C-alpha atoms as a PDB file:
ATOM      1  CA  MET A   1      63.729  91.538 130.842  1.00  0.00           C
ATOM      2  CA  THR A   2      64.981  92.355 127.304  1.00  0.00           C
ATOM      3  CA  ARG A   3      64.275  95.767 125.875  1.00  0.00           C
ATOM      4  CA  ASP A   4      63.955  96.526 122.164  1.00  0.00           C
ATOM      5  CA  ARG A   5      66.490  99.103 121.035  1.00  0.00           C
ATOM      6  CA  ASP A   6      67.527 100.817 117.842  1.00  0.00           C
ATOM      7  CA  THR A   7      70.730 100.436 115.777  1.00  0.00           C
ATOM      8  CA  THR A   8      72.689 103.223 117.426  1.00  0.00           C
ATOM      9  CA  GLY A   9      74.766 100.699 119.312  1.00  0.00           C
ATOM     10  CA  ARG A  10      72.003  99.611 121.625  1.00  0.00           C
ATOM     11  CA  PRO A  11      70.411  96.145 121.788  1.00  0.00           C
ATOM     12  CA  ASP A  12      68.006  95.261 118.995  1.00  0.00           C
ATOM     13  CA  ALA A  13      64.608  93.623 118.989  1.00  0.00           C
ATOM     14  CA  GLY A  14      66.171  90.166 118.611  1.00  0.00           C
ATOM     15  CA  GLY A  15      68.101  90.252 121.874  1.00  0.00           C
ATOM     16  CA  ASP A  16      70.557  92.229 123.859  1.00  0.00           C
ATOM     17  CA  GLU A  17      73.533  92.256 121.457  1.00  0.00           C
ATOM     18  CA  THR A  18      74.388  95.710 120.123  1.00  0.00           C
ATOM     19  CA  LEU A  19      75.380  96.393 116.542  1.00  0.00           C
ATOM     20  CA  SER A  20      78.965  97.079 117.591  1.00  0.00           C
ATOM     21  CA  GLU A  21      79.082  93.839 119.611  1.00  0.00           C
ATOM     22  CA  ALA A  22      77.779  91.848 116.646  1.00  0.00           C
ATOM     23  CA  PHE A  23      80.322  93.519 114.355  1.00  0.00           C
ATOM     24  CA  ARG A  24      83.191  92.777 116.754  1.00  0.00           C
ATOM     25  CA  SER A  25      82.051  89.186 117.119  1.00  0.00           C
ATOM     26  CA  VAL A  26      82.043  88.624 113.347  1.00  0.00           C
ATOM     27  CA  ALA A  27      85.410  90.407 113.000  1.00  0.00           C
ATOM     28  CA  ARG A  28      86.852  88.169 115.721  1.00  0.00           C
ATOM     29  CA  GLN A  29      85.558  85.047 113.942  1.00  0.00           C
ATOM     30  CA  LEU A  30      87.089  86.197 110.659  1.00  0.00           C
ATOM     31  CA  ARG A  31      90.415  87.044 112.342  1.00  0.00           C
ATOM     32  CA  ASP A  32      90.561  83.670 114.108  1.00  0.00           C
ATOM     33  CA  THR A  33      89.780  81.805 110.898  1.00  0.00           C
ATOM     34  CA  SER A  34      92.386  83.841 109.047  1.00  0.00           C
ATOM     35  CA  GLN A  35      95.051  83.032 111.633  1.00  0.00           C
ATOM     36  CA  GLU A  36      94.185  79.327 111.393  1.00  0.00           C
ATOM     37  CA  THR A  37      94.495  79.546 107.604  1.00  0.00           C
ATOM     38  CA  LEU A  38      97.936  81.182 107.830  1.00  0.00           C
ATOM     39  CA  ALA A  39      99.294  78.874 110.545  1.00  0.00           C
ATOM     40  CA  PRO A  40     100.617  76.096 108.239  1.00  0.00           C
ATOM     41  CA  TRP A  41     102.912  78.641 106.575  1.00  0.00           C
ATOM     42  CA  ASP A  42     103.923  80.291 109.864  1.00  0.00           C
ATOM     43  CA  ILE A  43     102.787  83.633 108.449  1.00  0.00           C
ATOM     44  CA  THR A  44     101.078  86.418 110.363  1.00  0.00           C
ATOM     45  CA  PRO A  45      98.480  88.783 108.883  1.00  0.00           C
ATOM     46  CA  SER A  46     101.145  91.540 108.719  1.00  0.00           C
ATOM     47  CA  HIS A  47     103.459  89.206 106.788  1.00  0.00           C
ATOM     48  CA  LEU A  48     100.638  88.445 104.366  1.00  0.00           C
ATOM     49  CA  ARG A  49      99.904  92.162 103.876  1.00  0.00           C
ATOM     50  CA  ALA A  50     103.537  92.772 102.923  1.00  0.00           C
ATOM     51  CA  LEU A  51     103.578  89.771 100.605  1.00  0.00           C
ATOM     52  CA  ARG A  52     100.349  91.003  98.967  1.00  0.00           C
ATOM     53  CA  VAL A  53     101.823  94.482  98.380  1.00  0.00           C
ATOM     54  CA  LEU A  54     104.931  92.976  96.799  1.00  0.00           C
ATOM     55  CA  MET A  55     102.863  90.618  94.636  1.00  0.00           C
ATOM     56  CA  TYR A  56     100.665  93.450  93.339  1.00  0.00           C
ATOM     57  CA  HIS A  57     103.298  96.192  93.005  1.00  0.00           C
ATOM     58  CA  GLY A  58     106.413  94.175  92.236  1.00  0.00           C
ATOM     59  CA  VAL A  59     109.989  94.794  93.292  1.00  0.00           C
ATOM     60  CA  MET A  60     110.387  97.829  95.531  1.00  0.00           C
ATOM     61  CA  ARG A  61     112.634  99.476  98.055  1.00  0.00           C
ATOM     62  CA  LEU A  62     112.068  98.780 101.735  1.00  0.00           C
ATOM     63  CA  SER A  63     111.087 102.426 102.209  1.00  0.00           C
ATOM     64  CA  GLU A  64     108.366 102.071  99.544  1.00  0.00           C
ATOM     65  CA  LEU A  65     107.084  98.930 101.222  1.00  0.00           C
ATOM     66  CA  SER A  66     106.843 100.701 104.572  1.00  0.00           C
ATOM     67  CA  ASP A  67     104.924 103.533 102.864  1.00  0.00           C
ATOM     68  CA  HIS A  68     102.473 101.081 101.265  1.00  0.00           C
ATOM     69  CA  LEU A  69     101.936  99.331 104.596  1.00  0.00           C
ATOM     70  CA  HIS A  70     101.764 102.597 106.588  1.00  0.00           C
ATOM     71  CA  ILE A  71     104.334 101.308 109.068  1.00  0.00           C
ATOM     72  CA  ALA A  72     107.731 102.504 110.276  1.00  0.00           C
ATOM     73  CA  ALA A  73     110.753 101.566 108.198  1.00  0.00           C
ATOM     74  CA  ARG A  74     112.110  99.456 111.083  1.00  0.00           C
ATOM     75  CA  SER A  75     108.851  97.498 111.217  1.00  0.00           C
ATOM     76  CA  ALA A  76     109.013  96.871 107.469  1.00  0.00           C
ATOM     77  CA  THR A  77     112.557  95.567 107.933  1.00  0.00           C
ATOM     78  CA  GLU A  78     111.330  93.132 110.608  1.00  0.00           C
ATOM     79  CA  VAL A  79     108.497  91.906 108.374  1.00  0.00           C
ATOM     80  CA  VAL A  80     110.885  91.424 105.439  1.00  0.00           C
ATOM     81  CA  ASP A  81     113.342  89.624 107.745  1.00  0.00           C
ATOM     82  CA  ALA A  82     110.580  87.163 108.683  1.00  0.00           C
ATOM     83  CA  LEU A  83     109.506  86.654 105.065  1.00  0.00           C
ATOM     84  CA  GLU A  84     113.102  86.223 103.936  1.00  0.00           C
ATOM     85  CA  THR A  85     113.741  83.620 106.662  1.00  0.00           C
ATOM     86  CA  ARG A  86     110.814  81.624 105.242  1.00  0.00           C
ATOM     87  CA  GLY A  87     112.168  81.937 101.684  1.00  0.00           C
ATOM     88  CA  LEU A  88     109.197  84.031 100.541  1.00  0.00           C
ATOM     89  CA  VAL A  89     111.122  87.165  99.567  1.00  0.00           C
ATOM     90  CA  GLU A  90     114.692  88.097  98.848  1.00  0.00           C
ATOM     91  CA  ARG A  91     116.663  91.279  99.122  1.00  0.00           C
ATOM     92  CA  ARG A  92     119.085  92.627  96.573  1.00  0.00           C
ATOM     93  CA  ALA A  93     121.044  95.798  96.087  1.00  0.00           C
ATOM     94  CA  ASP A  94     119.334  98.612  94.205  1.00  0.00           C
ATOM     95  CA  PRO A  95     121.443  99.170  91.076  1.00  0.00           C
ATOM     96  CA  ASP A  96     120.374 102.835  90.996  1.00  0.00           C
ATOM     97  CA  ASP A  97     121.290 103.557  94.627  1.00  0.00           C
ATOM     98  CA  ARG A  98     123.747 101.316  96.405  1.00  0.00           C
ATOM     99  CA  ARG A  99     122.523 102.605  99.787  1.00  0.00           C
ATOM    100  CA  ALA A 100     119.045 101.202  99.113  1.00  0.00           C
ATOM    101  CA  THR A 101     117.809  97.623  99.201  1.00  0.00           C
ATOM    102  CA  LEU A 102     115.174  96.156  96.924  1.00  0.00           C
ATOM    103  CA  VAL A 103     112.761  93.438  98.015  1.00  0.00           C
ATOM    104  CA  GLU A 104     111.095  90.956  95.681  1.00  0.00           C
ATOM    105  CA  VAL A 105     108.901  87.900  96.027  1.00  0.00           C
ATOM    106  CA  THR A 106     110.593  84.571  95.323  1.00  0.00           C
ATOM    107  CA  GLU A 107     109.011  81.849  93.214  1.00  0.00           C
ATOM    108  CA  HIS A 108     108.270  79.981  96.447  1.00  0.00           C
ATOM    109  CA  GLY A 109     106.718  83.153  97.896  1.00  0.00           C
ATOM    110  CA  ALA A 110     104.445  83.520  94.866  1.00  0.00           C
ATOM    111  CA  SER A 111     103.255  79.914  95.123  1.00  0.00           C
ATOM    112  CA  VAL A 112     102.605  80.265  98.869  1.00  0.00           C
ATOM    113  CA  PHE A 113     100.698  83.509  98.230  1.00  0.00           C
ATOM    114  CA  ASP A 114      98.557  81.810  95.566  1.00  0.00           C
ATOM    115  CA  ALA A 115      97.813  78.877  97.893  1.00  0.00           C
ATOM    116  CA  ILE A 116      96.810  81.215 100.710  1.00  0.00           C
ATOM    117  CA  ARG A 117      94.586  83.232  98.361  1.00  0.00           C
ATOM    118  CA  ALA A 118      92.799  80.084  97.227  1.00  0.00           C
ATOM    119  CA  LEU A 119      92.276  78.914 100.800  1.00  0.00           C
ATOM    120  CA  ARG A 120      91.078  82.337 101.877  1.00  0.00           C
ATOM    121  CA  GLY A 121      88.538  82.328  99.033  1.00  0.00           C
ATOM    122  CA  THR A 122      87.121  79.108 100.472  1.00  0.00           C
ATOM    123  CA  GLU A 123      87.213  80.666 103.930  1.00  0.00           C
ATOM    124  CA  ALA A 124      85.293  83.736 102.675  1.00  0.00           C
ATOM    125  CA  GLU A 125      82.695  81.541 100.999  1.00  0.00           C
ATOM    126  CA  ARG A 126      82.142  79.713 104.277  1.00  0.00           C
ATOM    127  CA  ALA A 127      81.846  82.992 106.167  1.00  0.00           C
ATOM    128  CA  PHE A 128      79.584  84.809 103.718  1.00  0.00           C
ATOM    129  CA  GLY A 129      77.881  81.872 101.998  1.00  0.00           C
ATOM    130  CA  ARG A 130      74.808  82.249 104.189  1.00  0.00           C
ATOM    131  CA  LEU A 131      74.132  85.656 102.665  1.00  0.00           C
ATOM    132  CA  SER A 132      72.225  86.166  99.446  1.00  0.00           C
ATOM    133  CA  GLU A 133      74.059  87.857  96.583  1.00  0.00           C
ATOM    134  CA  ALA A 134      72.076  91.038  97.262  1.00  0.00           C
ATOM    135  CA  ASP A 135      73.040  90.936 100.951  1.00  0.00           C
ATOM    136  CA  ARG A 136      76.706  90.500  99.998  1.00  0.00           C
ATOM    137  CA  VAL A 137      76.553  93.512  97.701  1.00  0.00           C
ATOM    138  CA  HIS A 138      74.912  95.625 100.423  1.00  0.00           C
ATOM    139  CA  LEU A 139      77.374  94.451 103.077  1.00  0.00           C
ATOM    140  CA  ALA A 140      80.345  95.225 100.833  1.00  0.00           C
ATOM    141  CA  ARG A 141      78.952  98.704 100.135  1.00  0.00           C
ATOM    142  CA  ILE A 142      78.360  99.369 103.834  1.00  0.00           C
ATOM    143  CA  LEU A 143      81.811  98.111 104.853  1.00  0.00           C
ATOM    144  CA  ARG A 144      83.505 100.271 102.211  1.00  0.00           C
ATOM    145  CA  LYS A 145      81.536 103.269 103.470  1.00  0.00           C
ATOM    146  CA  LEU A 146      82.641 102.581 107.073  1.00  0.00           C
ATOM    147  CA  ARG A 147      86.245 102.004 105.989  1.00  0.00           C
ATOM    148  CA  ASP A 148      86.503 105.191 103.938  1.00  0.00           C
END
């Protein structure tokens, strides 16, 4: 027997899936699709986050990158190592402080980033295309409210 429940995390009138279960299910679908999208470039979501920060903010020290990503400096070094191995970023000495290292996106890294962005736009359209424009606006507002 299925019981009707409210939206406080309990099953709804349409079945026995809770709001949190539905949210997790959609998040899992989006994560899986994202990983499939990144696979041809052998890039993880954390690599893409770092590449995005560098694309939007430009050349920066490793310590600044770790601050932007909210990760430990050692973790930022590992991410940059992986991106550098793939030819997506390069390191160079900071002319203002020889103890510091700057990181910048290569031309290849910028083209890979642009290709991934285009593919992810298509991926987002597939995921959210079933929603009306009004529903998309409401969902975006709700998600921002939950995030903040």
